[in-house]
C-alpha atoms as a PDB file:
ATOM      1  CA  UNK A   1      29.987 -42.969  47.772  1.00  0.00           C
ATOM      2  CA  UNK A   2      30.294 -44.560  44.334  1.00  0.00           C
ATOM      3  CA  UNK A   3      29.869 -42.455  41.256  1.00  0.00           C
ATOM      4  CA  UNK A   4      27.760 -43.799  38.448  1.00  0.00           C
ATOM      5  CA  UNK A   5      29.827 -44.534  35.393  1.00  0.00           C
ATOM      6  CA  UNK A   6      28.707 -42.609  32.369  1.00  0.00           C
ATOM      7  CA  UNK A   7      29.308 -43.579  28.830  1.00  0.00           C
ATOM      8  CA  UNK A   8      31.483 -41.073  27.001  1.00  0.00           C
ATOM      9  CA  UNK A   9      29.550 -39.464  24.196  1.00  0.00           C
ATOM     10  CA  UNK A  10      31.230 -39.753  20.862  1.00  0.00           C
ATOM     11  CA  UNK A  11      31.168 -36.581  18.806  1.00  0.00           C
ATOM     12  CA  UNK A  12      29.663 -36.819  15.370  1.00  0.00           C
ATOM     13  CA  UNK A  13      32.338 -36.907  12.690  1.00  0.00           C
ATOM     14  CA  UNK A  14      31.835 -35.380   9.222  1.00  0.00           C
ATOM     15  CA  UNK A  15      31.697 -38.817   7.605  1.00  0.00           C
ATOM     16  CA  UNK A  16      28.863 -40.013   9.851  1.00  0.00           C
ATOM     17  CA  UNK A  17      25.321 -40.643   8.684  1.00  0.00           C
ATOM     18  CA  UNK A  18      22.674 -39.051  10.882  1.00  0.00           C
ATOM     19  CA  UNK A  19      18.931 -39.325  11.296  1.00  0.00           C
ATOM     20  CA  UNK A  20      16.469 -36.480  11.132  1.00  0.00           C
ATOM     21  CA  UNK A  21      16.159 -36.645  14.925  1.00  0.00           C
ATOM     22  CA  UNK A  22      19.828 -35.758  15.326  1.00  0.00           C
ATOM     23  CA  UNK A  23      19.431 -32.762  13.021  1.00  0.00           C
ATOM     24  CA  UNK A  24      16.224 -31.570  14.693  1.00  0.00           C
ATOM     25  CA  UNK A  25      17.763 -31.728  18.162  1.00  0.00           C
ATOM     26  CA  UNK A  26      21.136 -30.276  17.194  1.00  0.00           C
ATOM     27  CA  UNK A  27      19.852 -27.244  15.317  1.00  0.00           C
ATOM     28  CA  UNK A  28      16.514 -26.748  17.105  1.00  0.00           C
ATOM     29  CA  UNK A  29      14.450 -26.845  13.937  1.00  0.00           C
ATOM     30  CA  UNK A  30      11.040 -28.345  13.328  1.00  0.00           C
ATOM     31  CA  UNK A  31      10.331 -31.539  11.445  1.00  0.00           C
ATOM     32  CA  UNK A  32       8.424 -29.450   8.899  1.00  0.00           C
ATOM     33  CA  UNK A  33      11.450 -27.204   8.265  1.00  0.00           C
ATOM     34  CA  UNK A  34      13.671 -30.197   7.602  1.00  0.00           C
ATOM     35  CA  UNK A  35      11.031 -31.734   5.333  1.00  0.00           C
ATOM     36  CA  UNK A  36      10.737 -28.460   3.431  1.00  0.00           C
ATOM     37  CA  UNK A  37      14.498 -28.257   2.864  1.00  0.00           C
ATOM     38  CA  UNK A  38      14.445 -31.860   1.646  1.00  0.00           C
ATOM     39  CA  UNK A  39      11.417 -31.341  -0.648  1.00  0.00           C
ATOM     40  CA  UNK A  40      12.928 -28.224  -2.211  1.00  0.00           C
ATOM     41  CA  UNK A  41      16.174 -30.082  -2.852  1.00  0.00           C
ATOM     42  CA  UNK A  42      18.108 -27.740  -0.564  1.00  0.00           C
ATOM     43  CA  UNK A  43      19.458 -30.464   1.697  1.00  0.00           C
ATOM     44  CA  UNK A  44      20.685 -33.705   0.185  1.00  0.00           C
ATOM     45  CA  UNK A  45      19.310 -36.876   1.743  1.00  0.00           C
ATOM     46  CA  UNK A  46      19.653 -40.593   1.155  1.00  0.00           C
ATOM     47  CA  UNK A  47      17.078 -43.341   1.493  1.00  0.00           C
ATOM     48  CA  UNK A  48      18.664 -46.485   2.861  1.00  0.00           C
ATOM     49  CA  UNK A  49      16.431 -49.442   3.718  1.00  0.00           C
ATOM     50  CA  UNK A  50      13.320 -47.226   3.943  1.00  0.00           C
ATOM     51  CA  UNK A  51      15.144 -44.826   6.289  1.00  0.00           C
ATOM     52  CA  UNK A  52      16.083 -41.284   5.324  1.00  0.00           C
ATOM     53  CA  UNK A  53      19.597 -40.401   6.410  1.00  0.00           C
ATOM     54  CA  UNK A  54      21.814 -37.374   5.968  1.00  0.00           C
ATOM     55  CA  UNK A  55      25.574 -37.121   5.682  1.00  0.00           C
ATOM     56  CA  UNK A  56      26.721 -34.961   8.590  1.00  0.00           C
ATOM     57  CA  UNK A  57      29.320 -33.068   6.527  1.00  0.00           C
ATOM     58  CA  UNK A  58      26.610 -32.068   4.024  1.00  0.00           C
ATOM     59  CA  UNK A  59      24.275 -30.959   6.807  1.00  0.00           C
ATOM     60  CA  UNK A  60      26.999 -28.768   8.334  1.00  0.00           C
ATOM     61  CA  UNK A  61      27.850 -27.295   4.940  1.00  0.00           C
ATOM     62  CA  UNK A  62      24.188 -26.495   4.265  1.00  0.00           C
ATOM     63  CA  UNK A  63      23.655 -24.907   7.696  1.00  0.00           C
ATOM     64  CA  UNK A  64      26.847 -22.849   7.438  1.00  0.00           C
ATOM     65  CA  UNK A  65      26.039 -21.577   3.951  1.00  0.00           C
ATOM     66  CA  UNK A  66      22.551 -20.513   5.049  1.00  0.00           C
ATOM     67  CA  UNK A  67      23.339 -18.804   8.345  1.00  0.00           C
ATOM     68  CA  UNK A  68      21.684 -15.456   8.848  1.00  0.00           C
ATOM     69  CA  UNK A  69      23.502 -12.337   9.855  1.00  0.00           C
ATOM     70  CA  UNK A  70      26.910 -13.971  10.355  1.00  0.00           C
END
């Protein structure tokens, strides 16, 4: 029996740019929560060619600095 070849998933590196979808799925937050953080200036974002992107290292820093109870 042949095994289906799977593509190795590349981990996100701190220098990567990520979409809101990546953030929503990684941290299990709502679109509205992410929009609120952006609107309040809590999470830095960049508009590139009409697309809002986030620098992964900045997302991780923001999440880590705002963790509850840790």
